[in-house]
Amino acid sequence: MKTKFKNKGFSLTEVLMAAGILCIGIMLVATMFPVGIYLTTVASERTMASIVADEAFAKIQLYGIKTSIDSNNLCLRYEDIVGTFDSNESSYPSVDPTTNIRQYYWSAMCKRIDLNANDTRYLVTVFVSRKTSPTLKYPRFYSAASSRPVTVQAYVSTVTEDANKLEVKDALLEPKKSLQKLFPPAAIIDNATGQLYRVIERDEDTTITLDRKWEGTSTSPYIWFMSPPEDEKGTEIVGKNPDVEVFQRIIRF
């Protein structure tokens, strides 16, 4: 009497289908890691930016303002109106006794709320930036490049009909460099009003699109923003916006 054996294993087709489904699942899980790392980095930097900004506002209120604000009531760099100010005070941490390496920096712009002599309130805008390499330099156009991120000025030459697109040139009228400077999502501040905007798109060589309608005036059509780093020769921009976050507060001195 012969016994018949039946094969109860999986066919090759079933094995291939299972392997394919498994591969797709592993790929989907793998794609989550870069996104997770990016979101974690962004969250960490924004948390650090809040800490740096709180220290910046405290130091600004502590050191105060030593020189008079421009009579036209425009935005001015805090370093230009504070008087004697150690540049290391604008870094975080201010002093690192072990490595002497600083990654985070802040740069502030100040504008009076009212020119009334009895009103001592100022709108203070703090740009918090991160320096990714100790060898990077940041162009300032009117003087030697800075070893730390700094605010620079650009000229608004044209406002489009929909009022959220600007044609921007730098203060030295070098439109090619302006193209390299303003990368989305750069934060900019209007020189006359102190209002903040975000660059969401760069359409042409010198045209940028803002996140909302431009409300600046023709009296002083200038903007301020953080200058991206350049190469050692100073001829090419090698990084995007160094600013991590921007904060505004009204401070009474």
Protein backbone atom coordinates (compact mmCIF):
# COMPACT_ATOMS: atom_id res chain seq x y z
CA MET A 1 0.00 0.00 0.00
CA LYS A 2 1.47 3.32 -1.11
CA THR A 3 1.18 6.49 1.01
CA LYS A 4 0.56 9.75 -0.81
CA PHE A 5 2.35 12.87 0.51
CA LYS A 6 0.81 16.29 0.01
CA ASN A 7 2.98 19.45 -0.19
CA LYS A 8 1.66 22.00 2.30
CA GLY A 9 4.39 24.70 1.82
CA PHE A 10 4.13 28.12 0.13
CA SER A 11 4.44 28.49 -3.57
CA LEU A 12 7.17 30.67 -5.12
CA THR A 13 4.55 33.26 -6.10
CA GLU A 14 3.33 33.59 -2.53
CA VAL A 15 6.86 33.96 -1.21
CA LEU A 16 7.66 36.69 -3.75
CA MET A 17 4.45 38.56 -2.95
CA ALA A 18 5.17 38.41 0.79
CA ALA A 19 8.76 39.61 0.23
CA GLY A 20 7.51 42.48 -1.92
CA ILE A 21 5.01 43.61 0.71
CA LEU A 22 7.69 43.38 3.39
CA CYS A 23 10.11 45.48 1.31
CA ILE A 24 7.48 48.15 0.74
CA GLY A 25 6.76 48.28 4.47
CA ILE A 26 10.44 48.59 5.36
CA MET A 27 10.89 51.38 2.79
CA LEU A 28 7.94 53.32 4.22
CA VAL A 29 9.35 53.00 7.73
CA ALA A 30 12.82 54.02 6.53
CA THR A 31 11.48 57.20 4.94
CA MET A 32 10.13 58.26 8.32
CA PHE A 33 13.59 58.52 9.90
CA PRO A 34 14.91 61.54 7.91
CA VAL A 35 11.63 63.38 8.48
CA GLY A 36 11.75 62.56 12.17
CA ILE A 37 15.36 63.71 12.47
CA TYR A 38 14.56 66.96 10.62
CA LEU A 39 11.51 67.73 12.79
CA THR A 40 13.48 66.95 15.95
CA THR A 41 16.26 69.28 14.83
CA VAL A 42 13.81 72.07 14.02
CA ALA A 43 12.05 71.66 17.37
CA SER A 44 15.38 71.69 19.23
CA GLU A 45 16.59 74.81 17.44
CA ARG A 46 13.34 76.67 18.05
CA THR A 47 13.46 75.74 21.73
CA MET A 48 17.05 76.98 21.90
CA ALA A 49 16.07 80.14 20.00
CA SER A 50 13.48 80.97 22.68
CA ILE A 51 16.13 80.63 25.38
CA VAL A 52 18.59 82.81 23.46
CA ALA A 53 15.89 85.44 22.78
CA ASP A 54 14.91 85.62 26.46
CA GLU A 55 18.56 86.24 27.36
CA ALA A 56 18.86 88.83 24.57
CA PHE A 57 15.83 90.82 25.75
CA ALA A 58 17.12 90.70 29.34
CA LYS A 59 20.55 92.01 28.29
CA ILE A 60 19.03 94.73 26.11
CA GLN A 61 16.95 95.95 29.03
CA LEU A 62 19.98 95.69 31.33
CA TYR A 63 22.39 97.62 29.09
CA GLY A 64 19.74 100.06 27.92
CA ILE A 65 20.19 102.62 25.14
CA LYS A 66 23.04 105.12 25.37
CA THR A 67 22.62 107.23 22.22
CA SER A 68 19.57 109.00 20.86
CA ILE A 69 17.34 107.34 18.29
CA ASP A 70 17.19 108.78 14.78
CA SER A 71 14.65 111.62 14.48
CA ASN A 72 12.99 109.85 11.55
CA ASN A 73 12.14 106.99 13.93
CA LEU A 74 13.61 104.21 11.79
CA CYS A 75 14.97 100.81 12.81
CA LEU A 76 18.54 100.88 14.06
CA ARG A 77 20.95 98.14 15.08
CA TYR A 78 21.14 97.81 18.84
CA GLU A 79 24.94 97.59 18.66
CA ASP A 80 24.98 101.09 17.11
CA ILE A 81 22.95 102.75 19.88
CA VAL A 82 24.02 100.89 23.01
CA GLY A 83 27.43 102.51 23.37
CA THR A 84 30.08 100.22 24.91
CA PHE A 85 29.00 96.64 24.34
CA ASP A 86 31.11 93.48 24.36
CA SER A 87 30.30 91.55 21.16
CA ASN A 88 30.51 88.27 23.09
CA GLU A 89 27.36 89.35 24.94
CA SER A 90 25.41 88.73 21.73
CA SER A 91 26.39 85.06 21.63
CA TYR A 92 25.01 82.06 23.50
CA PRO A 93 26.49 80.94 25.73
CA SER A 94 28.30 84.23 26.32
CA VAL A 95 31.33 82.42 27.73
CA ASP A 96 32.21 78.76 27.19
CA PRO A 97 35.23 78.04 29.43
CA THR A 98 35.86 74.57 27.97
CA THR A 99 35.67 74.91 24.18
CA ASN A 100 35.28 78.66 23.61
CA ILE A 101 32.99 77.73 20.70
CA ARG A 102 29.74 79.59 20.25
CA GLN A 103 26.98 78.46 17.91
CA TYR A 104 24.03 80.73 18.62
CA TYR A 105 24.01 84.48 18.18
CA TRP A 106 21.46 87.25 18.36
CA SER A 107 21.20 90.57 16.60
CA ALA A 108 18.64 93.21 17.58
CA MET A 109 16.89 96.10 15.84
CA CYS A 110 15.26 98.93 17.84
CA LYS A 111 12.56 101.42 16.92
CA ARG A 112 10.74 103.89 19.12
CA ILE A 113 7.01 103.41 19.49
CA ASP A 114 6.45 107.17 19.69
CA LEU A 115 8.77 110.16 19.35
CA ASN A 116 7.15 111.76 22.39
CA ALA A 117 9.96 112.48 24.85
CA ASN A 118 7.92 111.02 27.71
CA ASP A 119 7.35 107.73 25.89
CA THR A 120 10.32 105.44 26.49
CA ARG A 121 8.87 102.36 24.81
CA TYR A 122 10.78 100.69 21.99
CA LEU A 123 9.87 97.94 19.58
CA VAL A 124 12.78 95.51 19.82
CA THR A 125 13.25 92.81 17.17
CA VAL A 126 15.69 90.01 17.96
CA PHE A 127 17.04 87.73 15.23
CA VAL A 128 18.39 84.47 16.66
CA SER A 129 20.91 82.77 14.37
CA ARG A 130 23.02 79.65 14.33
CA LYS A 131 26.55 79.46 12.97
CA THR A 132 27.16 76.02 11.45
CA SER A 133 30.94 76.31 11.05
CA PRO A 134 33.53 78.37 12.97
CA THR A 135 35.24 79.39 9.72
CA LEU A 136 32.22 81.08 8.13
CA LYS A 137 32.15 84.83 7.44
CA TYR A 138 29.15 87.09 6.96
CA PRO A 139 29.32 90.09 4.58
CA ARG A 140 28.41 93.53 5.90
CA PHE A 141 29.09 95.46 2.64
CA TYR A 142 30.21 98.70 4.30
CA SER A 143 32.99 97.12 6.36
CA ALA A 144 34.95 93.90 6.73
CA ALA A 145 33.00 90.66 6.89
CA SER A 146 31.85 89.63 10.34
CA SER A 147 32.74 86.37 12.07
CA ARG A 148 29.15 86.13 13.33
CA PRO A 149 25.72 86.47 11.66
CA VAL A 150 24.74 90.14 11.27
CA THR A 151 21.78 92.14 10.00
CA VAL A 152 22.23 93.89 6.65
CA GLN A 153 20.13 96.38 4.74
CA ALA A 154 18.54 96.17 1.30
CA TYR A 155 16.68 98.70 -0.82
CA VAL A 156 13.10 98.11 -2.01
CA SER A 157 13.03 99.55 -5.52
CA THR A 158 9.60 98.35 -6.72
CA VAL A 159 6.36 97.08 -5.19
CA THR A 160 4.06 95.09 -7.49
CA GLU A 161 0.33 95.72 -7.92
CA ASP A 162 -0.66 92.86 -5.64
CA ALA A 163 1.65 94.45 -3.02
CA ASN A 164 3.20 91.22 -1.80
CA LYS A 165 6.05 91.11 -4.32
CA LEU A 166 9.10 93.33 -3.97
CA GLU A 167 12.02 94.05 -6.23
CA VAL A 168 14.97 94.28 -3.87
CA LYS A 169 18.53 95.48 -4.34
CA ASP A 170 21.21 95.68 -1.71
CA ALA A 171 22.37 99.00 -0.33
CA LEU A 172 25.28 99.07 -2.78
CA LEU A 173 22.95 98.40 -5.75
CA GLU A 174 24.40 94.99 -6.58
CA PRO A 175 21.31 93.04 -7.70
CA LYS A 176 23.24 89.85 -8.39
CA LYS A 177 24.27 89.62 -4.74
CA SER A 178 20.72 90.40 -3.66
CA LEU A 179 19.61 87.31 -5.54
CA GLN A 180 21.98 85.22 -3.45
CA LYS A 181 21.03 86.76 -0.13
CA LEU A 182 17.29 86.38 0.22
CA PHE A 183 16.43 82.71 0.41
CA PRO A 184 12.95 81.57 1.47
CA PRO A 185 11.93 81.49 4.28
CA ALA A 186 14.11 84.49 5.22
CA ALA A 187 12.66 86.89 7.78
CA ILE A 188 12.79 90.59 6.91
CA ILE A 189 11.86 93.70 8.88
CA ASP A 190 10.56 96.94 7.38
CA ASN A 191 12.89 99.82 8.24
CA ALA A 192 10.08 102.37 8.61
CA THR A 193 7.35 100.43 10.42
CA GLY A 194 9.26 97.62 12.16
CA GLN A 195 6.83 95.03 10.80
CA LEU A 196 8.02 91.49 10.15
CA TYR A 197 7.56 89.53 6.92
CA ARG A 198 8.61 86.14 5.57
CA VAL A 199 10.02 85.53 2.11
CA ILE A 200 8.11 82.56 0.70
CA GLU A 201 9.40 82.63 -2.87
CA ARG A 202 12.04 84.22 -5.07
CA ASP A 203 10.60 84.72 -8.53
CA GLU A 204 13.32 86.49 -10.49
CA ASP A 205 16.82 87.82 -9.94
CA THR A 206 15.72 90.53 -7.51
CA THR A 207 12.00 89.85 -6.96
CA ILE A 208 10.73 88.19 -3.80
CA THR A 209 7.23 87.14 -2.71
CA LEU A 210 6.16 87.83 0.87
CA ASP A 211 3.78 85.93 3.10
CA ARG A 212 1.43 88.94 3.24
CA LYS A 213 0.78 92.37 1.80
CA TRP A 214 3.65 94.84 2.04
CA GLU A 215 2.68 97.83 4.18
CA GLY A 216 5.91 99.79 4.00
CA THR A 217 6.17 103.44 3.04
CA SER A 218 8.13 105.22 0.34
CA THR A 219 9.80 107.46 2.94
CA SER A 220 12.42 104.87 3.80
CA PRO A 221 11.97 101.86 1.48
CA TYR A 222 14.58 99.67 3.14
CA ILE A 223 14.47 96.26 4.77
CA TRP A 224 16.75 94.45 7.21
CA PHE A 225 17.57 90.74 7.21
CA MET A 226 20.28 88.32 8.32
CA SER A 227 23.14 87.99 5.87
CA PRO A 228 23.94 84.39 4.81
CA PRO A 229 27.56 83.20 4.99
CA GLU A 230 29.98 83.49 2.09
CA ASP A 231 33.08 81.56 1.02
CA GLU A 232 36.62 82.44 2.08
CA LYS A 233 37.13 84.63 -1.00
CA GLY A 234 33.93 86.56 -0.34
CA THR A 235 32.63 85.90 -3.84
CA GLU A 236 29.94 83.27 -3.35
CA ILE A 237 27.19 82.59 -0.85
CA VAL A 238 27.79 79.12 0.64
CA GLY A 239 24.80 78.82 2.98
CA LYS A 240 21.21 79.87 3.37
CA ASN A 241 19.53 81.92 6.05
CA PRO A 242 21.36 81.68 9.35
CA ASP A 243 18.36 82.96 11.32
CA VAL A 244 16.53 80.30 13.32
CA GLU A 245 13.69 82.45 14.63
CA VAL A 246 12.69 86.09 15.07
CA PHE A 247 11.08 87.61 18.17
CA GLN A 248 9.56 91.01 18.91
CA ARG A 249 8.81 92.72 22.20
CA ILE A 250 7.96 96.20 23.40
CA ILE A 251 10.48 97.25 26.07
CA ARG A 252 10.30 100.33 28.25
CA PHE A 253 13.72 101.78 29.12
